[in-house]
Each structure stands twice: as structure tokens, then as C-alpha cells.
Amino acid sequence: MKNRITHYFFIVVSVFALVPTRALSQQSAEIVRKVVSQVVPQYPSLARSMNIQGVVRADVTVAPNGKVKSIDLKGGHPLLGQAAQDALRQWKWEPAARESIESVELRFHP
């Protein structure tokens, strides 16, 4: 059991180490948009059975109309990432004059 936990710890650390960081452009930093509709992610059954929990971080590119244009996962366990993306694709933000990049954290706890 301890070896399994150690193995998953190294996977998580590797994911965080491989995720490139980038500065937000000045344009997107100026826009602060509110979420008007959000969907709670479904906890993956495999992650639940393995007692995997944690935070998935993502940068979400939001179109001017408030719909999600793209999602860039920035960190989190790979088993939780897909569930986070599936939920985030359904989120809506308030309209804005231009596209923005919104940073989101989703917490998964069994």
C-alpha cells in the first residue's frame, strides 16, 4: 500500500513539474469576469476507489459571449483532469468586450 501511495505521489509531482508556466497577457489580466453558471464535476469512480483527491487547476479561455473556448490544464492528478474538463466545458461567464483567460481550481474529495 505504501509503495502504491509513493508511486501516485511521484506521478502527481511529475505532472506539476512538467506543466509549463506562463504569464497572463496584460489584456486578459484587466478583465475580471464572474461565473454565471457552473457545473460540479463528477468524481471518477476509479479515482474514488483509489482514494485519489486533490485540486485540478486550469486556465479557461472564455469567448466574449461567456462560453468556454478552450481549457488548458495546469495541474492536478490525471485521473481527475478529464472530469474537470468535462464540467468546465459547461460553465458560463458573464459577457465581456473581448476574450479572456480565467484561472479555475476544482477540488476533488471522496
PDB file of N, CA and C in Angstrom:
ATOM      1  N   MET A   1       0.838  -1.196   0.000  1.00  0.00           N
ATOM      2  CA  MET A   1       0.000   0.000   0.000  1.00  0.00           C
ATOM      3  C   MET A   1       0.876   1.250   0.000  1.00  0.00           C
ATOM      4  N   LYS A   2       1.944   1.217   0.822  1.00  0.00           N
ATOM      5  CA  LYS A   2       2.816   2.378   0.892  1.00  0.00           C
ATOM      6  C   LYS A   2       3.497   2.621  -0.451  1.00  0.00           C
ATOM      7  N   ASN A   3       3.885   1.537  -1.152  1.00  0.00           N
ATOM      8  CA  ASN A   3       4.506   1.697  -2.464  1.00  0.00           C
ATOM      9  C   ASN A   3       3.538   2.308  -3.467  1.00  0.00           C
ATOM     10  N   ARG A   4       2.254   1.946  -3.378  1.00  0.00           N
ATOM     11  CA  ARG A   4       1.249   2.496  -4.284  1.00  0.00           C
ATOM     12  C   ARG A   4       1.101   3.995  -4.037  1.00  0.00           C
ATOM     13  N   ILE A   5       1.045   4.389  -2.780  1.00  0.00           N
ATOM     14  CA  ILE A   5       0.914   5.810  -2.440  1.00  0.00           C
ATOM     15  C   ILE A   5       2.140   6.573  -2.923  1.00  0.00           C
ATOM     16  N   THR A   6       3.314   6.003  -2.700  1.00  0.00           N
ATOM     17  CA  THR A   6       4.551   6.642  -3.157  1.00  0.00           C
ATOM     18  C   THR A   6       4.539   6.777  -4.669  1.00  0.00           C
ATOM     19  N   HIS A   7       4.091   5.736  -5.372  1.00  0.00           N
ATOM     20  CA  HIS A   7       4.021   5.762  -6.828  1.00  0.00           C
ATOM     21  C   HIS A   7       3.116   6.896  -7.308  1.00  0.00           C
ATOM     22  N   TYR A   8       1.923   7.014  -6.728  1.00  0.00           N
ATOM     23  CA  TYR A   8       0.992   8.068  -7.136  1.00  0.00           C
ATOM     24  C   TYR A   8       1.500   9.447  -6.752  1.00  0.00           C
ATOM     25  N   PHE A   9       2.203   9.542  -5.647  1.00  0.00           N
ATOM     26  CA  PHE A   9       2.790  10.827  -5.255  1.00  0.00           C
ATOM     27  C   PHE A   9       3.768  11.291  -6.332  1.00  0.00           C
ATOM     28  N   PHE A  10       4.612  10.376  -6.815  1.00  0.00           N
ATOM     29  CA  PHE A  10       5.583  10.749  -7.845  1.00  0.00           C
ATOM     30  C   PHE A  10       4.904  11.104  -9.158  1.00  0.00           C
ATOM     31  N   ILE A  11       3.783  10.459  -9.457  1.00  0.00           N
ATOM     32  CA  ILE A  11       3.040  10.818 -10.668  1.00  0.00           C
ATOM     33  C   ILE A  11       2.521  12.244 -10.545  1.00  0.00           C
ATOM     34  N   VAL A  12       1.941  12.569  -9.399  1.00  0.00           N
ATOM     35  CA  VAL A  12       1.404  13.919  -9.185  1.00  0.00           C
ATOM     36  C   VAL A  12       2.516  14.953  -9.249  1.00  0.00           C
ATOM     37  N   VAL A  13       3.630  14.674  -8.585  1.00  0.00           N
ATOM     38  CA  VAL A  13       4.760  15.607  -8.604  1.00  0.00           C
ATOM     39  C   VAL A  13       5.270  15.783 -10.030  1.00  0.00           C
ATOM     40  N   SER A  14       5.325  14.690 -10.800  1.00  0.00           N
ATOM     41  CA  SER A  14       5.782  14.779 -12.186  1.00  0.00           C
ATOM     42  C   SER A  14       4.864  15.649 -13.018  1.00  0.00           C
ATOM     43  N   VAL A  15       3.562  15.509 -12.810  1.00  0.00           N
ATOM     44  CA  VAL A  15       2.604  16.322 -13.563  1.00  0.00           C
ATOM     45  C   VAL A  15       2.842  17.800 -13.277  1.00  0.00           C
ATOM     46  N   PHE A  16       3.003  18.153 -12.001  1.00  0.00           N
ATOM     47  CA  PHE A  16       3.247  19.554 -11.655  1.00  0.00           C
ATOM     48  C   PHE A  16       4.577  20.043 -12.216  1.00  0.00           C
ATOM     49  N   ALA A  17       5.582  19.191 -12.245  1.00  0.00           N
ATOM     50  CA  ALA A  17       6.903  19.598 -12.727  1.00  0.00           C
ATOM     51  C   ALA A  17       6.904  19.819 -14.234  1.00  0.00           C
ATOM     52  N   LEU A  18       6.070  19.074 -14.967  1.00  0.00           N
ATOM     53  CA  LEU A  18       6.060  19.167 -16.417  1.00  0.00           C
ATOM     54  C   LEU A  18       5.141  20.244 -16.966  1.00  0.00           C
ATOM     55  N   VAL A  19       4.284  20.787 -16.138  1.00  0.00           N
ATOM     56  CA  VAL A  19       3.343  21.797 -16.601  1.00  0.00           C
ATOM     57  C   VAL A  19       4.075  23.126 -16.756  1.00  0.00           C
ATOM     58  N   PRO A  20       4.093  23.656 -17.979  1.00  0.00           N
ATOM     59  CA  PRO A  20       4.778  24.937 -18.168  1.00  0.00           C
ATOM     60  C   PRO A  20       3.982  26.077 -17.547  1.00  0.00           C
ATOM     61  N   THR A  21       4.696  27.052 -17.056  1.00  0.00           N
ATOM     62  CA  THR A  21       4.016  28.224 -16.527  1.00  0.00           C
ATOM     63  C   THR A  21       4.148  29.342 -17.553  1.00  0.00           C
ATOM     64  N   ARG A  22       3.130  30.188 -17.578  1.00  0.00           N
ATOM     65  CA  ARG A  22       3.193  31.338 -18.485  1.00  0.00           C
ATOM     66  C   ARG A  22       2.490  32.507 -17.824  1.00  0.00           C
ATOM     67  N   ALA A  23       2.965  33.662 -18.131  1.00  0.00           N
ATOM     68  CA  ALA A  23       2.339  34.864 -17.583  1.00  0.00           C
ATOM     69  C   ALA A  23       1.117  35.197 -18.412  1.00  0.00           C
ATOM     70  N   LEU A  24       0.072  35.646 -17.755  1.00  0.00           N
ATOM     71  CA  LEU A  24      -1.109  36.087 -18.479  1.00  0.00           C
ATOM     72  C   LEU A  24      -0.792  37.386 -19.197  1.00  0.00           C
ATOM     73  N   SER A  25      -1.385  37.540 -20.362  1.00  0.00           N
ATOM     74  CA  SER A  25      -1.154  38.781 -21.083  1.00  0.00           C
ATOM     75  C   SER A  25      -1.803  39.933 -20.328  1.00  0.00           C
ATOM     76  N   GLN A  26      -1.338  41.125 -20.596  1.00  0.00           N
ATOM     77  CA  GLN A  26      -1.881  42.289 -19.911  1.00  0.00           C
ATOM     78  C   GLN A  26      -3.372  42.446 -20.213  1.00  0.00           C
ATOM     79  N   GLN A  27      -3.779  42.122 -21.454  1.00  0.00           N
ATOM     80  CA  GLN A  27      -5.188  42.245 -21.817  1.00  0.00           C
ATOM     81  C   GLN A  27      -6.067  41.386 -20.927  1.00  0.00           C
ATOM     82  N   SER A  28      -5.713  40.091 -20.784  1.00  0.00           N
ATOM     83  CA  SER A  28      -6.584  39.213 -20.016  1.00  0.00           C
ATOM     84  C   SER A  28      -6.524  39.520 -18.525  1.00  0.00           C
ATOM     85  N   ALA A  29      -5.426  40.103 -18.050  1.00  0.00           N
ATOM     86  CA  ALA A  29      -5.329  40.440 -16.635  1.00  0.00           C
ATOM     87  C   ALA A  29      -6.270  41.584 -16.273  1.00  0.00           C
ATOM     88  N   GLU A  30      -6.628  42.401 -17.254  1.00  0.00           N
ATOM     89  CA  GLU A  30      -7.507  43.530 -16.993  1.00  0.00           C
ATOM     90  C   GLU A  30      -8.958  43.104 -16.794  1.00  0.00           C
ATOM     91  N   ILE A  31      -9.341  41.990 -17.370  1.00  0.00           N
ATOM     92  CA  ILE A  31     -10.733  41.556 -17.327  1.00  0.00           C
ATOM     93  C   ILE A  31     -10.936  40.619 -16.141  1.00  0.00           C
ATOM     94  N   VAL A  32     -11.914  40.939 -15.325  1.00  0.00           N
ATOM     95  CA  VAL A  32     -12.311  40.053 -14.234  1.00  0.00           C
ATOM     96  C   VAL A  32     -13.769  39.703 -14.490  1.00  0.00           C
ATOM     97  N   ARG A  33     -14.014  38.437 -14.847  1.00  0.00           N
ATOM     98  CA  ARG A  33     -15.364  38.015 -15.205  1.00  0.00           C
ATOM     99  C   ARG A  33     -15.936  37.099 -14.139  1.00  0.00           C
ATOM    100  N   LYS A  34     -17.214  37.251 -13.906  1.00  0.00           N
ATOM    101  CA  LYS A  34     -17.897  36.410 -12.934  1.00  0.00           C
ATOM    102  C   LYS A  34     -18.488  35.187 -13.626  1.00  0.00           C
ATOM    103  N   VAL A  35     -18.457  34.074 -12.916  1.00  0.00           N
ATOM    104  CA  VAL A  35     -19.100  32.855 -13.405  1.00  0.00           C
ATOM    105  C   VAL A  35     -20.599  33.008 -13.156  1.00  0.00           C
ATOM    106  N   VAL A  36     -21.410  32.802 -14.199  1.00  0.00           N
ATOM    107  CA  VAL A  36     -22.853  32.913 -14.032  1.00  0.00           C
ATOM    108  C   VAL A  36     -23.526  31.542 -13.973  1.00  0.00           C
ATOM    109  N   SER A  37     -22.838  30.500 -14.439  1.00  0.00           N
ATOM    110  CA  SER A  37     -23.384  29.150 -14.399  1.00  0.00           C
ATOM    111  C   SER A  37     -22.225  28.165 -14.350  1.00  0.00           C
ATOM    112  N   GLN A  38     -22.262  27.284 -13.341  1.00  0.00           N
ATOM    113  CA  GLN A  38     -21.187  26.295 -13.251  1.00  0.00           C
ATOM    114  C   GLN A  38     -21.748  24.912 -12.976  1.00  0.00           C
ATOM    115  N   VAL A  39     -21.007  23.904 -13.421  1.00  0.00           N
ATOM    116  CA  VAL A  39     -21.390  22.511 -13.245  1.00  0.00           C
ATOM    117  C   VAL A  39     -20.353  21.870 -12.333  1.00  0.00           C
ATOM    118  N   VAL A  40     -20.820  21.116 -11.345  1.00  0.00           N
ATOM    119  CA  VAL A  40     -19.922  20.406 -10.434  1.00  0.00           C
ATOM    120  C   VAL A  40     -19.400  19.168 -11.155  1.00  0.00           C
ATOM    121  N   PRO A  41     -18.081  18.953 -11.148  1.00  0.00           N
ATOM    122  CA  PRO A  41     -17.532  17.783 -11.846  1.00  0.00           C
ATOM    123  C   PRO A  41     -17.936  16.471 -11.177  1.00  0.00           C
ATOM    124  N   GLN A  42     -18.103  15.449 -11.996  1.00  0.00           N
ATOM    125  CA  GLN A  42     -18.392  14.111 -11.497  1.00  0.00           C
ATOM    126  C   GLN A  42     -17.091  13.473 -11.018  1.00  0.00           C
ATOM    127  N   TYR A  43     -17.091  12.955  -9.814  1.00  0.00           N
ATOM    128  CA  TYR A  43     -15.902  12.311  -9.253  1.00  0.00           C
ATOM    129  C   TYR A  43     -15.711  10.974  -9.971  1.00  0.00           C
ATOM    130  N   PRO A  44     -14.586  10.754 -10.661  1.00  0.00           N
ATOM    131  CA  PRO A  44     -14.378   9.493 -11.379  1.00  0.00           C
ATOM    132  C   PRO A  44     -14.368   8.301 -10.417  1.00  0.00           C
ATOM    133  N   SER A  45     -15.066   7.246 -10.804  1.00  0.00           N
ATOM    134  CA  SER A  45     -15.170   6.078  -9.920  1.00  0.00           C
ATOM    135  C   SER A  45     -13.806   5.452  -9.650  1.00  0.00           C
ATOM    136  N   LEU A  46     -12.917   5.421 -10.642  1.00  0.00           N
ATOM    137  CA  LEU A  46     -11.578   4.867 -10.424  1.00  0.00           C
ATOM    138  C   LEU A  46     -10.813   5.701  -9.396  1.00  0.00           C
ATOM    139  N   ALA A  47     -10.909   7.015  -9.508  1.00  0.00           N
ATOM    140  CA  ALA A  47     -10.247   7.897  -8.540  1.00  0.00           C
ATOM    141  C   ALA A  47     -10.823   7.691  -7.143  1.00  0.00           C
ATOM    142  N   ARG A  48     -12.131   7.520  -7.063  1.00  0.00           N
ATOM    143  CA  ARG A  48     -12.781   7.282  -5.770  1.00  0.00           C
ATOM    144  C   ARG A  48     -12.313   5.964  -5.169  1.00  0.00           C
ATOM    145  N   SER A  49     -12.250   4.911  -5.985  1.00  0.00           N
ATOM    146  CA  SER A  49     -11.833   3.603  -5.465  1.00  0.00           C
ATOM    147  C   SER A  49     -10.370   3.609  -5.024  1.00  0.00           C
ATOM    148  N   MET A  50      -9.562   4.475  -5.625  1.00  0.00           N
ATOM    149  CA  MET A  50      -8.147   4.577  -5.255  1.00  0.00           C
ATOM    150  C   MET A  50      -7.915   5.672  -4.217  1.00  0.00           C
ATOM    151  N   ASN A  51      -9.008   6.299  -3.764  1.00  0.00           N
ATOM    152  CA  ASN A  51      -8.953   7.377  -2.775  1.00  0.00           C
ATOM    153  C   ASN A  51      -8.054   8.535  -3.229  1.00  0.00           C
ATOM    154  N   ILE A  52      -8.141   8.854  -4.512  1.00  0.00           N
ATOM    155  CA  ILE A  52      -7.371   9.964  -5.072  1.00  0.00           C
ATOM    156  C   ILE A  52      -8.184  11.230  -4.898  1.00  0.00           C
ATOM    157  N   GLN A  53      -7.562  12.240  -4.353  1.00  0.00           N
ATOM    158  CA  GLN A  53      -8.225  13.519  -4.159  1.00  0.00           C
ATOM    159  C   GLN A  53      -7.230  14.630  -4.465  1.00  0.00           C
ATOM    160  N   GLY A  54      -7.721  15.823  -4.564  1.00  0.00           N
ATOM    161  CA  GLY A  54      -6.822  16.940  -4.806  1.00  0.00           C
ATOM    162  C   GLY A  54      -7.480  18.046  -5.590  1.00  0.00           C
ATOM    163  N   VAL A  55      -6.633  18.907  -6.120  1.00  0.00           N
ATOM    164  CA  VAL A  55      -7.079  20.096  -6.842  1.00  0.00           C
ATOM    165  C   VAL A  55      -6.616  19.995  -8.283  1.00  0.00           C
ATOM    166  N   VAL A  56      -7.512  20.330  -9.199  1.00  0.00           N
ATOM    167  CA  VAL A  56      -7.158  20.455 -10.609  1.00  0.00           C
ATOM    168  C   VAL A  56      -7.192  21.938 -10.934  1.00  0.00           C
ATOM    169  N   ARG A  57      -6.085  22.443 -11.468  1.00  0.00           N
ATOM    170  CA  ARG A  57      -6.003  23.847 -11.872  1.00  0.00           C
ATOM    171  C   ARG A  57      -6.066  23.932 -13.390  1.00  0.00           C
ATOM    172  N   ALA A  58      -6.790  24.942 -13.880  1.00  0.00           N
ATOM    173  CA  ALA A  58      -6.925  25.118 -15.320  1.00  0.00           C
ATOM    174  C   ALA A  58      -7.035  26.592 -15.664  1.00  0.00           C
ATOM    175  N   ASP A  59      -6.529  26.927 -16.846  1.00  0.00           N
ATOM    176  CA  ASP A  59      -6.765  28.237 -17.434  1.00  0.00           C
ATOM    177  C   ASP A  59      -7.823  28.026 -18.508  1.00  0.00           C
ATOM    178  N   VAL A  60      -8.925  28.741 -18.377  1.00  0.00           N
ATOM    179  CA  VAL A  60     -10.051  28.597 -19.291  1.00  0.00           C
ATOM    180  C   VAL A  60     -10.121  29.850 -20.163  1.00  0.00           C
ATOM    181  N   THR A  61     -10.040  29.640 -21.477  1.00  0.00           N
ATOM    182  CA  THR A  61     -10.210  30.754 -22.410  1.00  0.00           C
ATOM    183  C   THR A  61     -11.705  30.909 -22.644  1.00  0.00           C
ATOM    184  N   VAL A  62     -12.210  32.110 -22.327  1.00  0.00           N
ATOM    185  CA  VAL A  62     -13.641  32.388 -22.405  1.00  0.00           C
ATOM    186  C   VAL A  62     -13.889  33.387 -23.536  1.00  0.00           C
ATOM    187  N   ALA A  63     -14.800  33.035 -24.417  1.00  0.00           N
ATOM    188  CA  ALA A  63     -15.171  33.897 -25.541  1.00  0.00           C
ATOM    189  C   ALA A  63     -15.921  35.127 -25.030  1.00  0.00           C
ATOM    190  N   PRO A  64     -16.031  36.170 -25.836  1.00  0.00           N
ATOM    191  CA  PRO A  64     -16.760  37.372 -25.407  1.00  0.00           C
ATOM    192  C   PRO A  64     -18.198  37.090 -24.960  1.00  0.00           C
ATOM    193  N   ASN A  65     -18.846  36.065 -25.536  1.00  0.00           N
ATOM    194  CA  ASN A  65     -20.228  35.753 -25.158  1.00  0.00           C
ATOM    195  C   ASN A  65     -20.332  34.960 -23.852  1.00  0.00           C
ATOM    196  N   GLY A  66     -19.188  34.622 -23.239  1.00  0.00           N
ATOM    197  CA  GLY A  66     -19.193  33.920 -21.956  1.00  0.00           C
ATOM    198  C   GLY A  66     -19.044  32.417 -22.047  1.00  0.00           C
ATOM    199  N   LYS A  67     -18.991  31.865 -23.253  1.00  0.00           N
ATOM    200  CA  LYS A  67     -18.848  30.418 -23.426  1.00  0.00           C
ATOM    201  C   LYS A  67     -17.363  30.025 -23.431  1.00  0.00           C
ATOM    202  N   VAL A  68     -17.114  28.813 -22.987  1.00  0.00           N
ATOM    203  CA  VAL A  68     -15.745  28.291 -22.935  1.00  0.00           C
ATOM    204  C   VAL A  68     -15.252  28.019 -24.346  1.00  0.00           C
ATOM    205  N   LYS A  69     -14.098  28.566 -24.643  1.00  0.00           N
ATOM    206  CA  LYS A  69     -13.480  28.378 -25.950  1.00  0.00           C
ATOM    207  C   LYS A  69     -12.446  27.255 -25.894  1.00  0.00           C
ATOM    208  N   SER A  70     -11.623  27.239 -24.827  1.00  0.00           N
ATOM    209  CA  SER A  70     -10.632  26.175 -24.659  1.00  0.00           C
ATOM    210  C   SER A  70     -10.245  26.069 -23.186  1.00  0.00           C
ATOM    211  N   ILE A  71      -9.653  24.915 -22.853  1.00  0.00           N
ATOM    212  CA  ILE A  71      -9.222  24.638 -21.481  1.00  0.00           C
ATOM    213  C   ILE A  71      -7.796  24.138 -21.519  1.00  0.00           C
ATOM    214  N   ASP A  72      -6.956  24.736 -20.681  1.00  0.00           N
ATOM    215  CA  ASP A  72      -5.555  24.334 -20.568  1.00  0.00           C
ATOM    216  C   ASP A  72      -5.318  23.891 -19.124  1.00  0.00           C
ATOM    217  N   LEU A  73      -5.220  22.568 -18.912  1.00  0.00           N
ATOM    218  CA  LEU A  73      -4.972  22.070 -17.559  1.00  0.00           C
ATOM    219  C   LEU A  73      -3.584  22.469 -17.107  1.00  0.00           C
ATOM    220  N   LYS A  74      -3.491  22.987 -15.903  1.00  0.00           N
ATOM    221  CA  LYS A  74      -2.225  23.473 -15.356  1.00  0.00           C
ATOM    222  C   LYS A  74      -1.682  22.588 -14.250  1.00  0.00           C
ATOM    223  N   GLY A  75      -2.485  21.711 -13.698  1.00  0.00           N
ATOM    224  CA  GLY A  75      -2.004  20.834 -12.642  1.00  0.00           C
ATOM    225  C   GLY A  75      -3.133  20.028 -12.055  1.00  0.00           C
ATOM    226  N   GLY A  76      -2.758  18.934 -11.448  1.00  0.00           N
ATOM    227  CA  GLY A  76      -3.732  18.055 -10.828  1.00  0.00           C
ATOM    228  C   GLY A  76      -3.520  16.630 -11.277  1.00  0.00           C
ATOM    229  N   HIS A  77      -4.135  15.713 -10.591  1.00  0.00           N
ATOM    230  CA  HIS A  77      -3.988  14.303 -10.909  1.00  0.00           C
ATOM    231  C   HIS A  77      -4.639  14.007 -12.259  1.00  0.00           C
ATOM    232  N   PRO A  78      -3.969  13.242 -13.121  1.00  0.00           N
ATOM    233  CA  PRO A  78      -4.531  12.945 -14.446  1.00  0.00           C
ATOM    234  C   PRO A  78      -5.909  12.283 -14.406  1.00  0.00           C
ATOM    235  N   LEU A  79      -6.183  11.458 -13.391  1.00  0.00           N
ATOM    236  CA  LEU A  79      -7.491  10.816 -13.305  1.00  0.00           C
ATOM    237  C   LEU A  79      -8.607  11.827 -13.032  1.00  0.00           C
ATOM    238  N   LEU A  80      -8.259  12.979 -12.476  1.00  0.00           N
ATOM    239  CA  LEU A  80      -9.256  14.000 -12.166  1.00  0.00           C
ATOM    240  C   LEU A  80      -9.383  15.034 -13.280  1.00  0.00           C
ATOM    241  N   GLY A  81      -8.369  15.122 -14.122  1.00  0.00           N
ATOM    242  CA  GLY A  81      -8.329  16.148 -15.165  1.00  0.00           C
ATOM    243  C   GLY A  81      -9.469  16.083 -16.158  1.00  0.00           C
ATOM    244  N   GLN A  82      -9.798  14.885 -16.626  1.00  0.00           N
ATOM    245  CA  GLN A  82     -10.870  14.761 -17.614  1.00  0.00           C
ATOM    246  C   GLN A  82     -12.217  15.170 -17.033  1.00  0.00           C
ATOM    247  N   ALA A  83     -12.478  14.767 -15.790  1.00  0.00           N
ATOM    248  CA  ALA A  83     -13.728  15.153 -15.134  1.00  0.00           C
ATOM    249  C   ALA A  83     -13.808  16.667 -14.984  1.00  0.00           C
ATOM    250  N   ALA A  84     -12.681  17.288 -14.662  1.00  0.00           N
ATOM    251  CA  ALA A  84     -12.641  18.750 -14.538  1.00  0.00           C
ATOM    252  C   ALA A  84     -12.948  19.410 -15.878  1.00  0.00           C
ATOM    253  N   GLN A  85     -12.329  18.912 -16.942  1.00  0.00           N
ATOM    254  CA  GLN A  85     -12.569  19.484 -18.271  1.00  0.00           C
ATOM    255  C   GLN A  85     -14.028  19.316 -18.697  1.00  0.00           C
ATOM    256  N   ASP A  86     -14.597  18.135 -18.452  1.00  0.00           N
ATOM    257  CA  ASP A  86     -15.996  17.899 -18.830  1.00  0.00           C
ATOM    258  C   ASP A  86     -16.925  18.898 -18.145  1.00  0.00           C
ATOM    259  N   ALA A  87     -16.674  19.173 -16.873  1.00  0.00           N
ATOM    260  CA  ALA A  87     -17.511  20.133 -16.142  1.00  0.00           C
ATOM    261  C   ALA A  87     -17.262  21.559 -16.635  1.00  0.00           C
ATOM    262  N   LEU A  88     -15.996  21.933 -16.793  1.00  0.00           N
ATOM    263  CA  LEU A  88     -15.670  23.300 -17.196  1.00  0.00           C
ATOM    264  C   LEU A  88     -16.231  23.657 -18.566  1.00  0.00           C
ATOM    265  N   ARG A  89     -16.326  22.685 -19.468  1.00  0.00           N
ATOM    266  CA  ARG A  89     -16.889  22.962 -20.796  1.00  0.00           C
ATOM    267  C   ARG A  89     -18.337  23.460 -20.709  1.00  0.00           C
ATOM    268  N   GLN A  90     -19.004  23.173 -19.607  1.00  0.00           N
ATOM    269  CA  GLN A  90     -20.402  23.568 -19.437  1.00  0.00           C
ATOM    270  C   GLN A  90     -20.564  24.882 -18.663  1.00  0.00           C
ATOM    271  N   TRP A  91     -19.477  25.433 -18.142  1.00  0.00           N
ATOM    272  CA  TRP A  91     -19.557  26.686 -17.391  1.00  0.00           C
ATOM    273  C   TRP A  91     -19.841  27.846 -18.328  1.00  0.00           C
ATOM    274  N   LYS A  92     -20.437  28.892 -17.765  1.00  0.00           N
ATOM    275  CA  LYS A  92     -20.697  30.141 -18.499  1.00  0.00           C
ATOM    276  C   LYS A  92     -20.234  31.315 -17.646  1.00  0.00           C
ATOM    277  N   TRP A  93     -19.618  32.286 -18.287  1.00  0.00           N
ATOM    278  CA  TRP A  93     -19.191  33.518 -17.626  1.00  0.00           C
ATOM    279  C   TRP A  93     -20.035  34.670 -18.152  1.00  0.00           C
ATOM    280  N   GLU A  94     -19.979  35.783 -17.449  1.00  0.00           N
ATOM    281  CA  GLU A  94     -20.697  36.963 -17.924  1.00  0.00           C
ATOM    282  C   GLU A  94     -20.045  37.444 -19.227  1.00  0.00           C
ATOM    283  N   PRO A  95     -20.843  38.057 -20.114  1.00  0.00           N
ATOM    284  CA  PRO A  95     -20.291  38.582 -21.371  1.00  0.00           C
ATOM    285  C   PRO A  95     -19.264  39.681 -21.104  1.00  0.00           C
ATOM    286  N   ALA A  96     -18.348  39.841 -22.053  1.00  0.00           N
ATOM    287  CA  ALA A  96     -17.319  40.888 -21.963  1.00  0.00           C
ATOM    288  C   ALA A  96     -17.013  41.387 -23.370  1.00  0.00           C
ATOM    289  N   ALA A  97     -16.277  42.459 -23.437  1.00  0.00           N
ATOM    290  CA  ALA A  97     -15.944  43.058 -24.729  1.00  0.00           C
ATOM    291  C   ALA A  97     -14.994  42.184 -25.545  1.00  0.00           C
ATOM    292  N   ARG A  98     -14.180  41.360 -24.857  1.00  0.00           N
ATOM    293  CA  ARG A  98     -13.228  40.509 -25.579  1.00  0.00           C
ATOM    294  C   ARG A  98     -12.993  39.206 -24.809  1.00  0.00           C
ATOM    295  N   GLU A  99     -12.306  38.336 -25.457  1.00  0.00           N
ATOM    296  CA  GLU A  99     -11.933  37.043 -24.878  1.00  0.00           C
ATOM    297  C   GLU A  99     -11.050  37.250 -23.651  1.00  0.00           C
ATOM    298  N   SER A 100     -11.148  36.318 -22.698  1.00  0.00           N
ATOM    299  CA  SER A 100     -10.293  36.404 -21.509  1.00  0.00           C
ATOM    300  C   SER A 100      -9.837  35.006 -21.099  1.00  0.00           C
ATOM    301  N   ILE A 101      -8.826  34.973 -20.251  1.00  0.00           N
ATOM    302  CA  ILE A 101      -8.339  33.712 -19.690  1.00  0.00           C
ATOM    303  C   ILE A 101      -8.628  33.749 -18.201  1.00  0.00           C
ATOM    304  N   GLU A 102      -9.420  32.783 -17.744  1.00  0.00           N
ATOM    305  CA  GLU A 102      -9.834  32.713 -16.354  1.00  0.00           C
ATOM    306  C   GLU A 102      -9.156  31.510 -15.691  1.00  0.00           C
ATOM    307  N   SER A 103      -8.526  31.727 -14.552  1.00  0.00           N
ATOM    308  CA  SER A 103      -7.899  30.646 -13.796  1.00  0.00           C
ATOM    309  C   SER A 103      -8.922  30.037 -12.847  1.00  0.00           C
ATOM    310  N   VAL A 104      -9.003  28.698 -12.865  1.00  0.00           N
ATOM    311  CA  VAL A 104     -10.005  27.985 -12.085  1.00  0.00           C
ATOM    312  C   VAL A 104      -9.322  26.859 -11.307  1.00  0.00           C
ATOM    313  N   GLU A 105      -9.774  26.622 -10.087  1.00  0.00           N
ATOM    314  CA  GLU A 105      -9.343  25.464  -9.302  1.00  0.00           C
ATOM    315  C   GLU A 105     -10.574  24.662  -8.924  1.00  0.00           C
ATOM    316  N   LEU A 106     -10.551  23.372  -9.194  1.00  0.00           N
ATOM    317  CA  LEU A 106     -11.631  22.475  -8.809  1.00  0.00           C
ATOM    318  C   LEU A 106     -11.077  21.459  -7.802  1.00  0.00           C
ATOM    319  N   ARG A 107     -11.762  21.332  -6.678  1.00  0.00           N
ATOM    320  CA  ARG A 107     -11.314  20.420  -5.622  1.00  0.00           C
ATOM    321  C   ARG A 107     -12.104  19.126  -5.668  1.00  0.00           C
ATOM    322  N   PHE A 108     -11.388  18.023  -5.577  1.00  0.00           N
ATOM    323  CA  PHE A 108     -11.985  16.699  -5.573  1.00  0.00           C
ATOM    324  C   PHE A 108     -11.698  16.028  -4.250  1.00  0.00           C
ATOM    325  N   HIS A 109     -12.757  15.638  -3.541  1.00  0.00           N
ATOM    326  CA  HIS A 109     -12.635  14.926  -2.265  1.00  0.00           C
ATOM    327  C   HIS A 109     -13.669  13.814  -2.261  1.00  0.00           C
ATOM    328  N   PRO A 110     -13.256  12.581  -1.916  1.00  0.00           N
ATOM    329  CA  PRO A 110     -14.220  11.466  -1.922  1.00  0.00           C
ATOM    330  C   PRO A 110     -15.294  11.615  -0.853  1.00  0.00           C
TER     331      PRO A 110
END
